[in-house]
Amino acid sequence: VDRGMLVRDEKGGPIYSEEEFGDFELRFEWKIAEGGNSGVKYRMKYY
């Protein structure tokens, strides 16, 4: 956590919400480093 932002700072793996959600509206703000690749997944399930 840096200045009110949640930052992927170094290799550590993805992180997950503790709670599960079904029907929802999620809103968020983001920026990414040059050449970067990331994403937000939802309704995660183990297969």
ModelCIF file with pLDDT and N, C-alpha, C, O atoms, coordinates in Angstrom:
data_MODEL
#
_entry.id   MODEL 
#
_entity.id                         1 
_entity.type                       polymer 
_entity.pdbx_number_of_molecules   1 
#
_entity_poly.entity_id                      1 
_entity_poly.type                           'polypeptide(L)' 
_entity_poly.nstd_linkage                   no 
_entity_poly.nstd_monomer                   no 
_entity_poly.pdbx_seq_one_letter_code       VDRGMLVRDEKGGPIYSEEEFGDFELRFEWKIAEGGNSGVKYRMKYY 
_entity_poly.pdbx_seq_one_letter_code_can   VDRGMLVRDEKGGPIYSEEEFGDFELRFEWKIAEGGNSGVKYRMKYY 
_entity_poly.pdbx_strand_id                 A 
#
loop_
_entity_poly_seq.entity_id 
_entity_poly_seq.num 
_entity_poly_seq.mon_id 
_entity_poly_seq.hetero 
1 1  VAL n 
1 2  ASP n 
1 3  ARG n 
1 4  GLY n 
1 5  MET n 
1 6  LEU n 
1 7  VAL n 
1 8  ARG n 
1 9  ASP n 
1 10 GLU n 
1 11 LYS n 
1 12 GLY n 
1 13 GLY n 
1 14 PRO n 
1 15 ILE n 
1 16 TYR n 
1 17 SER n 
1 18 GLU n 
1 19 GLU n 
1 20 GLU n 
1 21 PHE n 
1 22 GLY n 
1 23 ASP n 
1 24 PHE n 
1 25 GLU n 
1 26 LEU n 
1 27 ARG n 
1 28 PHE n 
1 29 GLU n 
1 30 TRP n 
1 31 LYS n 
1 32 ILE n 
1 33 ALA n 
1 34 GLU n 
1 35 GLY n 
1 36 GLY n 
1 37 ASN n 
1 38 SER n 
1 39 GLY n 
1 40 VAL n 
1 41 LYS n 
1 42 TYR n 
1 43 ARG n 
1 44 MET n 
1 45 LYS n 
1 46 TYR n 
1 47 TYR n 
#
_struct_asym.id          A 
_struct_asym.entity_id   1 
#
loop_
_ma_qa_metric.id 
_ma_qa_metric.mode 
_ma_qa_metric.name 
_ma_qa_metric.software_group_id 
_ma_qa_metric.type 
1 global pLDDT . pLDDT 
2 local  pLDDT . pLDDT 
#
_ma_qa_metric_global.metric_id      1 
_ma_qa_metric_global.metric_value   94.38 
_ma_qa_metric_global.model_id       1 
_ma_qa_metric_global.ordinal_id     1 
#
loop_
_ma_qa_metric_local.label_asym_id 
_ma_qa_metric_local.label_comp_id 
_ma_qa_metric_local.label_seq_id 
_ma_qa_metric_local.metric_id 
_ma_qa_metric_local.metric_value 
_ma_qa_metric_local.model_id 
_ma_qa_metric_local.ordinal_id 
A VAL 1  2 93.00 1 1  
A ASP 2  2 90.00 1 2  
A ARG 3  2 84.00 1 3  
A GLY 4  2 87.00 1 4  
A MET 5  2 92.00 1 5  
A LEU 6  2 96.00 1 6  
A VAL 7  2 96.00 1 7  
A ARG 8  2 95.00 1 8  
A ASP 9  2 89.00 1 9  
A GLU 10 2 87.00 1 10 
A LYS 11 2 84.00 1 11 
A GLY 12 2 88.00 1 12 
A GLY 13 2 94.00 1 13 
A PRO 14 2 96.00 1 14 
A ILE 15 2 97.00 1 15 
A TYR 16 2 97.00 1 16 
A SER 17 2 97.00 1 17 
A GLU 18 2 95.00 1 18 
A GLU 19 2 95.00 1 19 
A GLU 20 2 96.00 1 20 
A PHE 21 2 96.00 1 21 
A GLY 22 2 94.00 1 22 
A ASP 23 2 96.00 1 23 
A PHE 24 2 96.00 1 24 
A GLU 25 2 96.00 1 25 
A LEU 26 2 97.00 1 26 
A ARG 27 2 95.00 1 27 
A PHE 28 2 95.00 1 28 
A GLU 29 2 94.00 1 29 
A TRP 30 2 96.00 1 30 
A LYS 31 2 96.00 1 31 
A ILE 32 2 96.00 1 32 
A ALA 33 2 95.00 1 33 
A GLU 34 2 95.00 1 34 
A GLY 35 2 95.00 1 35 
A GLY 36 2 95.00 1 36 
A ASN 37 2 96.00 1 37 
A SER 38 2 97.00 1 38 
A GLY 39 2 98.00 1 39 
A VAL 40 2 98.00 1 40 
A LYS 41 2 98.00 1 41 
A TYR 42 2 98.00 1 42 
A ARG 43 2 97.00 1 43 
A MET 44 2 96.00 1 44 
A LYS 45 2 94.00 1 45 
A TYR 46 2 94.00 1 46 
A TYR 47 2 95.00 1 47 
#
loop_
_atom_site.group_PDB 
_atom_site.id 
_atom_site.type_symbol 
_atom_site.label_atom_id 
_atom_site.label_alt_id 
_atom_site.label_comp_id 
_atom_site.label_asym_id 
_atom_site.label_entity_id 
_atom_site.label_seq_id 
_atom_site.pdbx_PDB_ins_code 
_atom_site.Cartn_x 
_atom_site.Cartn_y 
_atom_site.Cartn_z 
_atom_site.occupancy 
_atom_site.B_iso_or_equiv 
_atom_site.pdbx_formal_charge 
_atom_site.auth_seq_id 
_atom_site.auth_comp_id 
_atom_site.auth_asym_id 
_atom_site.auth_atom_id 
_atom_site.pdbx_PDB_model_num 
ATOM 1   N N  . VAL A 1 1  ? 0.866   -1.179  0.000   1.00 93.00 ? 1  VAL A N  1 
ATOM 2   C CA . VAL A 1 1  ? 0.000   0.000   0.000   1.00 93.00 ? 1  VAL A CA 1 
ATOM 3   C C  . VAL A 1 1  ? 0.898   1.222   0.000   1.00 93.00 ? 1  VAL A C  1 
ATOM 4   O O  . VAL A 1 1  ? 1.754   1.370   0.872   1.00 93.00 ? 1  VAL A O  1 
ATOM 5   N N  . ASP A 1 2  ? 0.707   2.094   -0.969  1.00 90.00 ? 2  ASP A N  1 
ATOM 6   C CA . ASP A 1 2  ? 1.558   3.272   -1.121  1.00 90.00 ? 2  ASP A CA 1 
ATOM 7   C C  . ASP A 1 2  ? 0.688   4.481   -1.445  1.00 90.00 ? 2  ASP A C  1 
ATOM 8   O O  . ASP A 1 2  ? 0.069   4.542   -2.507  1.00 90.00 ? 2  ASP A O  1 
ATOM 9   N N  . ARG A 1 3  ? 0.643   5.440   -0.527  1.00 84.00 ? 3  ARG A N  1 
ATOM 10  C CA . ARG A 1 3  ? -0.091  6.684   -0.719  1.00 84.00 ? 3  ARG A CA 1 
ATOM 11  C C  . ARG A 1 3  ? -1.539  6.450   -1.138  1.00 84.00 ? 3  ARG A C  1 
ATOM 12  O O  . ARG A 1 3  ? -2.048  7.092   -2.057  1.00 84.00 ? 3  ARG A O  1 
ATOM 13  N N  . GLY A 1 4  ? -2.187  5.524   -0.451  1.00 87.00 ? 4  GLY A N  1 
ATOM 14  C CA . GLY A 1 4  ? -3.590  5.252   -0.713  1.00 87.00 ? 4  GLY A CA 1 
ATOM 15  C C  . GLY A 1 4  ? -3.853  4.361   -1.910  1.00 87.00 ? 4  GLY A C  1 
ATOM 16  O O  . GLY A 1 4  ? -5.006  4.185   -2.306  1.00 87.00 ? 4  GLY A O  1 
ATOM 17  N N  . MET A 1 5  ? -2.798  3.787   -2.501  1.00 92.00 ? 5  MET A N  1 
ATOM 18  C CA . MET A 1 5  ? -2.949  2.921   -3.668  1.00 92.00 ? 5  MET A CA 1 
ATOM 19  C C  . MET A 1 5  ? -2.484  1.509   -3.345  1.00 92.00 ? 5  MET A C  1 
ATOM 20  O O  . MET A 1 5  ? -1.570  1.312   -2.545  1.00 92.00 ? 5  MET A O  1 
ATOM 21  N N  . LEU A 1 6  ? -3.120  0.532   -3.973  1.00 96.00 ? 6  LEU A N  1 
ATOM 22  C CA . LEU A 1 6  ? -2.714  -0.862  -3.860  1.00 96.00 ? 6  LEU A CA 1 
ATOM 23  C C  . LEU A 1 6  ? -1.810  -1.159  -5.049  1.00 96.00 ? 6  LEU A C  1 
ATOM 24  O O  . LEU A 1 6  ? -2.242  -1.068  -6.198  1.00 96.00 ? 6  LEU A O  1 
ATOM 25  N N  . VAL A 1 7  ? -0.546  -1.516  -4.775  1.00 96.00 ? 7  VAL A N  1 
ATOM 26  C CA . VAL A 1 7  ? 0.468   -1.578  -5.821  1.00 96.00 ? 7  VAL A CA 1 
ATOM 27  C C  . VAL A 1 7  ? 1.060   -2.982  -5.914  1.00 96.00 ? 7  VAL A C  1 
ATOM 28  O O  . VAL A 1 7  ? 1.492   -3.556  -4.915  1.00 96.00 ? 7  VAL A O  1 
ATOM 29  N N  . ARG A 1 8  ? 1.073   -3.525  -7.137  1.00 95.00 ? 8  ARG A N  1 
ATOM 30  C CA . ARG A 1 8  ? 1.825   -4.744  -7.390  1.00 95.00 ? 8  ARG A CA 1 
ATOM 31  C C  . ARG A 1 8  ? 3.262   -4.294  -7.569  1.00 95.00 ? 8  ARG A C  1 
ATOM 32  O O  . ARG A 1 8  ? 3.622   -3.722  -8.598  1.00 95.00 ? 8  ARG A O  1 
ATOM 33  N N  . ASP A 1 9  ? 4.097   -4.561  -6.540  1.00 89.00 ? 9  ASP A N  1 
ATOM 34  C CA . ASP A 1 9  ? 5.432   -3.973  -6.465  1.00 89.00 ? 9  ASP A CA 1 
ATOM 35  C C  . ASP A 1 9  ? 6.524   -4.918  -6.943  1.00 89.00 ? 9  ASP A C  1 
ATOM 36  O O  . ASP A 1 9  ? 7.512   -4.486  -7.537  1.00 89.00 ? 9  ASP A O  1 
ATOM 37  N N  . GLU A 1 10 ? 6.345   -6.197  -6.684  1.00 87.00 ? 10 GLU A N  1 
ATOM 38  C CA . GLU A 1 10 ? 7.344   -7.189  -7.089  1.00 87.00 ? 10 GLU A CA 1 
ATOM 39  C C  . GLU A 1 10 ? 6.654   -8.538  -7.182  1.00 87.00 ? 10 GLU A C  1 
ATOM 40  O O  . GLU A 1 10 ? 5.509   -8.685  -6.757  1.00 87.00 ? 10 GLU A O  1 
ATOM 41  N N  . LYS A 1 11 ? 7.346   -9.520  -7.736  1.00 84.00 ? 11 LYS A N  1 
ATOM 42  C CA . LYS A 1 11 ? 6.724   -10.823 -7.950  1.00 84.00 ? 11 LYS A CA 1 
ATOM 43  C C  . LYS A 1 11 ? 6.267   -11.431 -6.633  1.00 84.00 ? 11 LYS A C  1 
ATOM 44  O O  . LYS A 1 11 ? 7.059   -11.603 -5.706  1.00 84.00 ? 11 LYS A O  1 
ATOM 45  N N  . GLY A 1 12 ? 4.992   -11.751 -6.562  1.00 88.00 ? 12 GLY A N  1 
ATOM 46  C CA . GLY A 1 12 ? 4.463   -12.355 -5.346  1.00 88.00 ? 12 GLY A CA 1 
ATOM 47  C C  . GLY A 1 12 ? 3.210   -13.164 -5.600  1.00 88.00 ? 12 GLY A C  1 
ATOM 48  O O  . GLY A 1 12 ? 2.672   -13.791 -4.688  1.00 88.00 ? 12 GLY A O  1 
ATOM 49  N N  . GLY A 1 13 ? 2.741   -13.151 -6.847  1.00 94.00 ? 13 GLY A N  1 
ATOM 50  C CA . GLY A 1 13 ? 1.531   -13.891 -7.181  1.00 94.00 ? 13 GLY A CA 1 
ATOM 51  C C  . GLY A 1 13 ? 0.290   -13.021 -7.091  1.00 94.00 ? 13 GLY A C  1 
ATOM 52  O O  . GLY A 1 13 ? 0.337   -11.942 -6.500  1.00 94.00 ? 13 GLY A O  1 
ATOM 53  N N  . PRO A 1 14 ? -0.817  -13.466 -7.665  1.00 96.00 ? 14 PRO A N  1 
ATOM 54  C CA . PRO A 1 14 ? -2.062  -12.709 -7.604  1.00 96.00 ? 14 PRO A CA 1 
ATOM 55  C C  . PRO A 1 14 ? -2.626  -12.695 -6.195  1.00 96.00 ? 14 PRO A C  1 
ATOM 56  O O  . PRO A 1 14 ? -2.249  -13.513 -5.356  1.00 96.00 ? 14 PRO A O  1 
ATOM 57  N N  . ILE A 1 15 ? -3.531  -11.759 -5.942  1.00 97.00 ? 15 ILE A N  1 
ATOM 58  C CA . ILE A 1 15 ? -4.220  -11.714 -4.648  1.00 97.00 ? 15 ILE A CA 1 
ATOM 59  C C  . ILE A 1 15 ? -5.727  -11.783 -4.886  1.00 97.00 ? 15 ILE A C  1 
ATOM 60  O O  . ILE A 1 15 ? -6.223  -11.436 -5.958  1.00 97.00 ? 15 ILE A O  1 
ATOM 61  N N  . TYR A 1 16 ? -6.443  -12.241 -3.852  1.00 97.00 ? 16 TYR A N  1 
ATOM 62  C CA . TYR A 1 16 ? -7.856  -12.563 -3.978  1.00 97.00 ? 16 TYR A CA 1 
ATOM 63  C C  . TYR A 1 16 ? -8.669  -11.874 -2.883  1.00 97.00 ? 16 TYR A C  1 
ATOM 64  O O  . TYR A 1 16 ? -8.194  -11.682 -1.764  1.00 97.00 ? 16 TYR A O  1 
ATOM 65  N N  . SER A 1 17 ? -9.897  -11.508 -3.227  1.00 97.00 ? 17 SER A N  1 
ATOM 66  C CA . SER A 1 17 ? -10.814 -11.018 -2.204  1.00 97.00 ? 17 SER A CA 1 
ATOM 67  C C  . SER A 1 17 ? -11.175 -12.162 -1.270  1.00 97.00 ? 17 SER A C  1 
ATOM 68  O O  . SER A 1 17 ? -11.333 -13.303 -1.703  1.00 97.00 ? 17 SER A O  1 
ATOM 69  N N  . GLU A 1 18 ? -11.304 -11.848 0.012   1.00 95.00 ? 18 GLU A N  1 
ATOM 70  C CA . GLU A 1 18 ? -11.702 -12.889 0.961   1.00 95.00 ? 18 GLU A CA 1 
ATOM 71  C C  . GLU A 1 18 ? -13.119 -13.375 0.679   1.00 95.00 ? 18 GLU A C  1 
ATOM 72  O O  . GLU A 1 18 ? -13.427 -14.555 0.848   1.00 95.00 ? 18 GLU A O  1 
ATOM 73  N N  . GLU A 1 19 ? -13.962 -12.469 0.254   1.00 95.00 ? 19 GLU A N  1 
ATOM 74  C CA . GLU A 1 19 ? -15.377 -12.777 0.047   1.00 95.00 ? 19 GLU A CA 1 
ATOM 75  C C  . GLU A 1 19 ? -15.641 -13.192 -1.398  1.00 95.00 ? 19 GLU A C  1 
ATOM 76  O O  . GLU A 1 19 ? -14.958 -12.748 -2.320  1.00 95.00 ? 19 GLU A O  1 
ATOM 77  N N  . GLU A 1 20 ? -16.643 -14.050 -1.578  1.00 96.00 ? 20 GLU A N  1 
ATOM 78  C CA . GLU A 1 20 ? -17.106 -14.400 -2.905  1.00 96.00 ? 20 GLU A CA 1 
ATOM 79  C C  . GLU A 1 20 ? -18.285 -13.510 -3.293  1.00 96.00 ? 20 GLU A C  1 
ATOM 80  O O  . GLU A 1 20 ? -19.078 -13.098 -2.446  1.00 96.00 ? 20 GLU A O  1 
ATOM 81  N N  . PHE A 1 21 ? -18.382 -13.224 -4.588  1.00 96.00 ? 21 PHE A N  1 
ATOM 82  C CA . PHE A 1 21 ? -19.451 -12.355 -5.081  1.00 96.00 ? 21 PHE A CA 1 
ATOM 83  C C  . PHE A 1 21 ? -20.116 -13.007 -6.282  1.00 96.00 ? 21 PHE A C  1 
ATOM 84  O O  . PHE A 1 21 ? -19.461 -13.658 -7.096  1.00 96.00 ? 21 PHE A O  1 
ATOM 85  N N  . GLY A 1 22 ? -21.425 -12.821 -6.379  1.00 94.00 ? 22 GLY A N  1 
ATOM 86  C CA . GLY A 1 22 ? -22.191 -13.348 -7.492  1.00 94.00 ? 22 GLY A CA 1 
ATOM 87  C C  . GLY A 1 22 ? -22.561 -12.253 -8.467  1.00 94.00 ? 22 GLY A C  1 
ATOM 88  O O  . GLY A 1 22 ? -21.824 -11.986 -9.417  1.00 94.00 ? 22 GLY A O  1 
ATOM 89  N N  . ASP A 1 23 ? -23.714 -11.610 -8.238  1.00 96.00 ? 23 ASP A N  1 
ATOM 90  C CA . ASP A 1 23 ? -24.132 -10.481 -9.064  1.00 96.00 ? 23 ASP A CA 1 
ATOM 91  C C  . ASP A 1 23 ? -23.639 -9.198  -8.420  1.00 96.00 ? 23 ASP A C  1 
ATOM 92  O O  . ASP A 1 23 ? -23.906 -8.948  -7.245  1.00 96.00 ? 23 ASP A O  1 
ATOM 93  N N  . PHE A 1 24 ? -22.922 -8.383  -9.182  1.00 96.00 ? 24 PHE A N  1 
ATOM 94  C CA . PHE A 1 24 ? -22.284 -7.209  -8.590  1.00 96.00 ? 24 PHE A CA 1 
ATOM 95  C C  . PHE A 1 24 ? -21.934 -6.189  -9.652  1.00 96.00 ? 24 PHE A C  1 
ATOM 96  O O  . PHE A 1 24 ? -21.934 -6.479  -10.849 1.00 96.00 ? 24 PHE A O  1 
ATOM 97  N N  . GLU A 1 25 ? -21.634 -4.981  -9.183  1.00 96.00 ? 25 GLU A N  1 
ATOM 98  C CA . GLU A 1 25 ? -20.979 -3.960  -9.995  1.00 96.00 ? 25 GLU A CA 1 
ATOM 99  C C  . GLU A 1 25 ? -19.702 -3.575  -9.268  1.00 96.00 ? 25 GLU A C  1 
ATOM 100 O O  . GLU A 1 25 ? -19.742 -3.104  -8.131  1.00 96.00 ? 25 GLU A O  1 
ATOM 101 N N  . LEU A 1 26 ? -18.585 -3.774  -9.919  1.00 97.00 ? 26 LEU A N  1 
ATOM 102 C CA . LEU A 1 26 ? -17.276 -3.447  -9.356  1.00 97.00 ? 26 LEU A CA 1 
ATOM 103 C C  . LEU A 1 26 ? -16.724 -2.246  -10.104 1.00 97.00 ? 26 LEU A C  1 
ATOM 104 O O  . LEU A 1 26 ? -16.716 -2.227  -11.335 1.00 97.00 ? 26 LEU A O  1 
ATOM 105 N N  . ARG A 1 27 ? -16.265 -1.248  -9.367  1.00 95.00 ? 27 ARG A N  1 
ATOM 106 C CA . ARG A 1 27 ? -15.613 -0.109  -10.014 1.00 95.00 ? 27 ARG A CA 1 
ATOM 107 C C  . ARG A 1 27 ? -14.257 0.127   -9.357  1.00 95.00 ? 27 ARG A C  1 
ATOM 108 O O  . ARG A 1 27 ? -14.082 -0.074  -8.155  1.00 95.00 ? 27 ARG A O  1 
ATOM 109 N N  . PHE A 1 28 ? -13.305 0.558   -10.180 1.00 95.00 ? 28 PHE A N  1 
ATOM 110 C CA . PHE A 1 28 ? -11.946 0.744   -9.691  1.00 95.00 ? 28 PHE A CA 1 
ATOM 111 C C  . PHE A 1 28 ? -11.192 1.644   -10.653 1.00 95.00 ? 28 PHE A C  1 
ATOM 112 O O  . PHE A 1 28 ? -11.577 1.808   -11.810 1.00 95.00 ? 28 PHE A O  1 
ATOM 113 N N  . GLU A 1 29 ? -10.105 2.228   -10.148 1.00 94.00 ? 29 GLU A N  1 
ATOM 114 C CA . GLU A 1 29 ? -9.217  3.023   -10.979 1.00 94.00 ? 29 GLU A CA 1 
ATOM 115 C C  . GLU A 1 29 ? -7.850  2.361   -10.999 1.00 94.00 ? 29 GLU A C  1 
ATOM 116 O O  . GLU A 1 29 ? -7.436  1.752   -10.013 1.00 94.00 ? 29 GLU A O  1 
ATOM 117 N N  . TRP A 1 30 ? -7.147  2.481   -12.124 1.00 96.00 ? 30 TRP A N  1 
ATOM 118 C CA . TRP A 1 30 ? -5.872  1.778   -12.275 1.00 96.00 ? 30 TRP A CA 1 
ATOM 119 C C  . TRP A 1 30 ? -4.973  2.522   -13.258 1.00 96.00 ? 30 TRP A C  1 
ATOM 120 O O  . TRP A 1 30 ? -5.431  3.291   -14.103 1.00 96.00 ? 30 TRP A O  1 
ATOM 121 N N  . LYS A 1 31 ? -3.673  2.260   -13.112 1.00 96.00 ? 31 LYS A N  1 
ATOM 122 C CA . LYS A 1 31 ? -2.690  2.638   -14.127 1.00 96.00 ? 31 LYS A CA 1 
ATOM 123 C C  . LYS A 1 31 ? -1.628  1.559   -14.142 1.00 96.00 ? 31 LYS A C  1 
ATOM 124 O O  . LYS A 1 31 ? -1.471  0.817   -13.172 1.00 96.00 ? 31 LYS A O  1 
ATOM 125 N N  . ILE A 1 32 ? -0.888  1.472   -15.257 1.00 96.00 ? 32 ILE A N  1 
ATOM 126 C CA . ILE A 1 32 ? 0.064   0.391   -15.410 1.00 96.00 ? 32 ILE A CA 1 
ATOM 127 C C  . ILE A 1 32 ? 1.378   0.947   -15.938 1.00 96.00 ? 32 ILE A C  1 
ATOM 128 O O  . ILE A 1 32 ? 1.405   1.977   -16.611 1.00 96.00 ? 32 ILE A O  1 
ATOM 129 N N  . ALA A 1 33 ? 2.472   0.250   -15.623 1.00 95.00 ? 33 ALA A N  1 
ATOM 130 C CA . ALA A 1 33 ? 3.784   0.671   -16.091 1.00 95.00 ? 33 ALA A CA 1 
ATOM 131 C C  . ALA A 1 33 ? 3.900   0.448   -17.595 1.00 95.00 ? 33 ALA A C  1 
ATOM 132 O O  . ALA A 1 33 ? 3.159   -0.343  -18.179 1.00 95.00 ? 33 ALA A O  1 
ATOM 133 N N  . GLU A 1 34 ? 4.837   1.155   -18.207 1.00 95.00 ? 34 GLU A N  1 
ATOM 134 C CA . GLU A 1 34 ? 5.046   1.031   -19.644 1.00 95.00 ? 34 GLU A CA 1 
ATOM 135 C C  . GLU A 1 34 ? 5.335   -0.423  -20.026 1.00 95.00 ? 34 GLU A C  1 
ATOM 136 O O  . GLU A 1 34 ? 6.177   -1.085  -19.419 1.00 95.00 ? 34 GLU A O  1 
ATOM 137 N N  . GLY A 1 35 ? 4.620   -0.903  -21.040 1.00 95.00 ? 35 GLY A N  1 
ATOM 138 C CA . GLY A 1 35 ? 4.793   -2.278  -21.490 1.00 95.00 ? 35 GLY A CA 1 
ATOM 139 C C  . GLY A 1 35 ? 4.134   -3.306  -20.594 1.00 95.00 ? 35 GLY A C  1 
ATOM 140 O O  . GLY A 1 35 ? 4.376   -4.504  -20.741 1.00 95.00 ? 35 GLY A O  1 
ATOM 141 N N  . GLY A 1 36 ? 3.302   -2.851  -19.665 1.00 95.00 ? 36 GLY A N  1 
ATOM 142 C CA . GLY A 1 36 ? 2.762   -3.736  -18.647 1.00 95.00 ? 36 GLY A CA 1 
ATOM 143 C C  . GLY A 1 36 ? 1.549   -4.549  -19.083 1.00 95.00 ? 36 GLY A C  1 
ATOM 144 O O  . GLY A 1 36 ? 0.898   -4.262  -20.088 1.00 95.00 ? 36 GLY A O  1 
ATOM 145 N N  . ASN A 1 37 ? 1.272   -5.582  -18.277 1.00 96.00 ? 37 ASN A N  1 
ATOM 146 C CA . ASN A 1 37 ? 0.168   -6.515  -18.510 1.00 96.00 ? 37 ASN A CA 1 
ATOM 147 C C  . ASN A 1 37 ? -0.383  -6.929  -17.159 1.00 96.00 ? 37 ASN A C  1 
ATOM 148 O O  . ASN A 1 37 ? 0.369   -7.386  -16.298 1.00 96.00 ? 37 ASN A O  1 
ATOM 149 N N  . SER A 1 38 ? -1.684  -6.776  -16.962 1.00 97.00 ? 38 SER A N  1 
ATOM 150 C CA . SER A 1 38 ? -2.318  -7.190  -15.718 1.00 97.00 ? 38 SER A CA 1 
ATOM 151 C C  . SER A 1 38 ? -3.788  -7.446  -16.006 1.00 97.00 ? 38 SER A C  1 
ATOM 152 O O  . SER A 1 38 ? -4.188  -7.566  -17.164 1.00 97.00 ? 38 SER A O  1 
ATOM 153 N N  . GLY A 1 39 ? -4.589  -7.529  -14.956 1.00 98.00 ? 39 GLY A N  1 
ATOM 154 C CA . GLY A 1 39 ? -6.017  -7.751  -15.162 1.00 98.00 ? 39 GLY A CA 1 
ATOM 155 C C  . GLY A 1 39 ? -6.733  -7.989  -13.854 1.00 98.00 ? 39 GLY A C  1 
ATOM 156 O O  . GLY A 1 39 ? -6.116  -8.183  -12.806 1.00 98.00 ? 39 GLY A O  1 
ATOM 157 N N  . VAL A 1 40 ? -8.055  -7.969  -13.939 1.00 98.00 ? 40 VAL A N  1 
ATOM 158 C CA . VAL A 1 40 ? -8.921  -8.253  -12.797 1.00 98.00 ? 40 VAL A CA 1 
ATOM 159 C C  . VAL A 1 40 ? -9.836  -9.411  -13.189 1.00 98.00 ? 40 VAL A C  1 
ATOM 160 O O  . VAL A 1 40 ? -10.615 -9.300  -14.135 1.00 98.00 ? 40 VAL A O  1 
ATOM 161 N N  . LYS A 1 41 ? -9.738  -10.514 -12.462 1.00 98.00 ? 41 LYS A N  1 
ATOM 162 C CA . LYS A 1 41 ? -10.596 -11.670 -12.705 1.00 98.00 ? 41 LYS A CA 1 
ATOM 163 C C  . LYS A 1 41 ? -11.721 -11.701 -11.674 1.00 98.00 ? 41 LYS A C  1 
ATOM 164 O O  . LYS A 1 41 ? -11.595 -11.150 -10.581 1.00 98.00 ? 41 LYS A O  1 
ATOM 165 N N  . TYR A 1 42 ? -12.819 -12.351 -12.039 1.00 98.00 ? 42 TYR A N  1 
ATOM 166 C CA . TYR A 1 42 ? -13.970 -12.379 -11.137 1.00 98.00 ? 42 TYR A CA 1 
ATOM 167 C C  . TYR A 1 42 ? -14.735 -13.689 -11.291 1.00 98.00 ? 42 TYR A C  1 
ATOM 168 O O  . TYR A 1 42 ? -14.595 -14.407 -12.282 1.00 98.00 ? 42 TYR A O  1 
ATOM 169 N N  . ARG A 1 43 ? -15.561 -13.979 -10.259 1.00 97.00 ? 43 ARG A N  1 
ATOM 170 C CA . ARG A 1 43 ? -16.257 -15.267 -10.148 1.00 97.00 ? 43 ARG A CA 1 
ATOM 171 C C  . ARG A 1 43 ? -15.264 -16.423 -10.332 1.00 97.00 ? 43 ARG A C  1 
ATOM 172 O O  . ARG A 1 43 ? -15.488 -17.343 -11.118 1.00 97.00 ? 43 ARG A O  1 
ATOM 173 N N  . MET A 1 44 ? -14.180 -16.342 -9.592  1.00 96.00 ? 44 MET A N  1 
ATOM 174 C CA . MET A 1 44 ? -13.134 -17.354 -9.708  1.00 96.00 ? 44 MET A CA 1 
ATOM 175 C C  . MET A 1 44 ? -13.620 -18.705 -9.179  1.00 96.00 ? 44 MET A C  1 
ATOM 176 O O  . MET A 1 44 ? -14.314 -18.782 -8.166  1.00 96.00 ? 44 MET A O  1 
ATOM 177 N N  . LYS A 1 45 ? -13.237 -19.765 -9.891  1.00 94.00 ? 45 LYS A N  1 
ATOM 178 C CA . LYS A 1 45 ? -13.604 -21.134 -9.508  1.00 94.00 ? 45 LYS A CA 1 
ATOM 179 C C  . LYS A 1 45 ? -12.404 -22.051 -9.721  1.00 94.00 ? 45 LYS A C  1 
ATOM 180 O O  . LYS A 1 45 ? -11.624 -21.868 -10.656 1.00 94.00 ? 45 LYS A O  1 
ATOM 181 N N  . TYR A 1 46 ? -12.269 -23.035 -8.844  1.00 94.00 ? 46 TYR A N  1 
ATOM 182 C CA . TYR A 1 46 ? -11.193 -24.017 -8.991  1.00 94.00 ? 46 TYR A CA 1 
ATOM 183 C C  . TYR A 1 46 ? -11.688 -25.174 -9.872  1.00 94.00 ? 46 TYR A C  1 
ATOM 184 O O  . TYR A 1 46 ? -12.707 -25.801 -9.585  1.00 94.00 ? 46 TYR A O  1 
ATOM 185 N N  . TYR A 1 47 ? -10.939 -25.439 -10.951 1.00 95.00 ? 47 TYR A N  1 
ATOM 186 C CA . TYR A 1 47 ? -11.268 -26.520 -11.880 1.00 95.00 ? 47 TYR A CA 1 
ATOM 187 C C  . TYR A 1 47 ? -10.230 -27.634 -11.755 1.00 95.00 ? 47 TYR A C  1 
ATOM 188 O O  . TYR A 1 47 ? -10.321 -28.644 -12.453 1.00 95.00 ? 47 TYR A O  1 
#
